[in-house]
Amino acid sequence: MKYIIALLIILGTAIIFTLVKWLDGKITQKRTGKSSEELKNNKKWLIISFIGGLIIGLLYVILFYI
């Protein structure tokens, strides 16, 4: 049970990081009026933010949970 909660913490952190980055991209798109073609680069940054969230979540679990 402890490991399931640890996995949920890690995935939750990664999903939150990705969601924040995605919302930031949508707000930027509305403010600047850039087309989705100009923001295709954003998928790369979403993947990077997901991986960063996994790393941060893993560090949190290692330091404070397990």
C-alpha atoms as a PDB file:
ATOM      1  CA  MET A   1       0.000   0.000   0.000  1.00  0.00           C
ATOM      2  CA  LYS A   2       2.872   2.331   0.819  1.00  0.00           C
ATOM      3  CA  TYR A   3       4.346   1.895  -2.659  1.00  0.00           C
ATOM      4  CA  ILE A   4       1.016   2.501  -4.381  1.00  0.00           C
ATOM      5  CA  ILE A   5       0.665   5.815  -2.537  1.00  0.00           C
ATOM      6  CA  ALA A   6       4.267   6.692  -3.436  1.00  0.00           C
ATOM      7  CA  LEU A   7       3.539   5.960  -7.114  1.00  0.00           C
ATOM      8  CA  LEU A   8       0.400   8.105  -6.973  1.00  0.00           C
ATOM      9  CA  ILE A   9       2.395  10.978  -5.458  1.00  0.00           C
ATOM     10  CA  ILE A  10       4.979  10.738  -8.249  1.00  0.00           C
ATOM     11  CA  LEU A  11       2.398  10.559 -11.042  1.00  0.00           C
ATOM     12  CA  GLY A  12       0.278  13.292  -9.482  1.00  0.00           C
ATOM     13  CA  THR A  13       3.241  15.639  -9.320  1.00  0.00           C
ATOM     14  CA  ALA A  14       4.130  14.944 -12.960  1.00  0.00           C
ATOM     15  CA  ILE A  15       0.540  15.471 -14.093  1.00  0.00           C
ATOM     16  CA  ILE A  16       0.282  18.761 -12.197  1.00  0.00           C
ATOM     17  CA  PHE A  17       3.546  20.026 -13.737  1.00  0.00           C
ATOM     18  CA  THR A  18       2.277  19.100 -17.225  1.00  0.00           C
ATOM     19  CA  LEU A  19      -1.151  20.634 -16.624  1.00  0.00           C
ATOM     20  CA  VAL A  20       0.367  23.925 -15.472  1.00  0.00           C
ATOM     21  CA  LYS A  21       2.609  24.047 -18.553  1.00  0.00           C
ATOM     22  CA  TRP A  22      -0.326  23.241 -20.853  1.00  0.00           C
ATOM     23  CA  LEU A  23      -2.529  25.930 -19.289  1.00  0.00           C
ATOM     24  CA  ASP A  24       0.306  28.429 -19.584  1.00  0.00           C
ATOM     25  CA  GLY A  25       0.560  27.619 -23.289  1.00  0.00           C
ATOM     26  CA  LYS A  26      -3.190  28.087 -23.761  1.00  0.00           C
ATOM     27  CA  ILE A  27      -3.150  31.445 -21.959  1.00  0.00           C
ATOM     28  CA  THR A  28      -0.163  32.549 -24.050  1.00  0.00           C
ATOM     29  CA  GLN A  29      -1.970  31.463 -27.216  1.00  0.00           C
ATOM     30  CA  LYS A  30      -5.026  33.538 -26.309  1.00  0.00           C
ATOM     31  CA  ARG A  31      -3.018  36.637 -25.360  1.00  0.00           C
ATOM     32  CA  THR A  32      -0.642  36.672 -28.305  1.00  0.00           C
ATOM     33  CA  GLY A  33      -2.960  35.194 -30.928  1.00  0.00           C
ATOM     34  CA  LYS A  34      -0.354  32.697 -32.096  1.00  0.00           C
ATOM     35  CA  SER A  35      -1.685  29.853 -34.159  1.00  0.00           C
ATOM     36  CA  SER A  36      -1.363  26.258 -33.052  1.00  0.00           C
ATOM     37  CA  GLU A  37       1.242  25.713 -35.784  1.00  0.00           C
ATOM     38  CA  GLU A  38       3.543  28.172 -34.056  1.00  0.00           C
ATOM     39  CA  LEU A  39       3.017  26.391 -30.751  1.00  0.00           C
ATOM     40  CA  LYS A  40       3.757  22.843 -31.978  1.00  0.00           C
ATOM     41  CA  ASN A  41       7.060  23.238 -30.175  1.00  0.00           C
ATOM     42  CA  ASN A  42       4.966  23.220 -27.025  1.00  0.00           C
ATOM     43  CA  LYS A  43       4.595  19.411 -27.137  1.00  0.00           C
ATOM     44  CA  LYS A  44       8.320  19.090 -26.567  1.00  0.00           C
ATOM     45  CA  TRP A  45       8.057  21.313 -23.494  1.00  0.00           C
ATOM     46  CA  LEU A  46       5.061  19.349 -22.205  1.00  0.00           C
ATOM     47  CA  ILE A  47       7.127  16.168 -22.325  1.00  0.00           C
ATOM     48  CA  ILE A  48      10.038  17.917 -20.625  1.00  0.00           C
ATOM     49  CA  SER A  49       7.748  19.251 -17.886  1.00  0.00           C
ATOM     50  CA  PHE A  50       6.247  15.759 -17.385  1.00  0.00           C
ATOM     51  CA  ILE A  51       9.720  14.258 -16.978  1.00  0.00           C
ATOM     52  CA  GLY A  52      10.663  17.088 -14.625  1.00  0.00           C
ATOM     53  CA  GLY A  53       7.537  16.407 -12.586  1.00  0.00           C
ATOM     54  CA  LEU A  54       8.456  12.730 -12.380  1.00  0.00           C
ATOM     55  CA  ILE A  55      11.915  13.636 -11.114  1.00  0.00           C
ATOM     56  CA  ILE A  56      10.603  16.124  -8.538  1.00  0.00           C
ATOM     57  CA  GLY A  57       7.940  13.651  -7.374  1.00  0.00           C
ATOM     58  CA  LEU A  58      10.504  10.884  -7.078  1.00  0.00           C
ATOM     59  CA  LEU A  59      12.827  13.092  -5.042  1.00  0.00           C
ATOM     60  CA  TYR A  60       9.934  14.078  -2.773  1.00  0.00           C
ATOM     61  CA  VAL A  61       8.996  10.437  -2.175  1.00  0.00           C
ATOM     62  CA  ILE A  62      12.593   9.415  -1.538  1.00  0.00           C
ATOM     63  CA  LEU A  63      13.287  12.276   0.870  1.00  0.00           C
ATOM     64  CA  PHE A  64      10.022  12.494   2.781  1.00  0.00           C
ATOM     65  CA  TYR A  65       7.828   9.465   2.266  1.00  0.00           C
ATOM     66  CA  ILE A  66       9.915   6.303   2.191  1.00  0.00           C
END
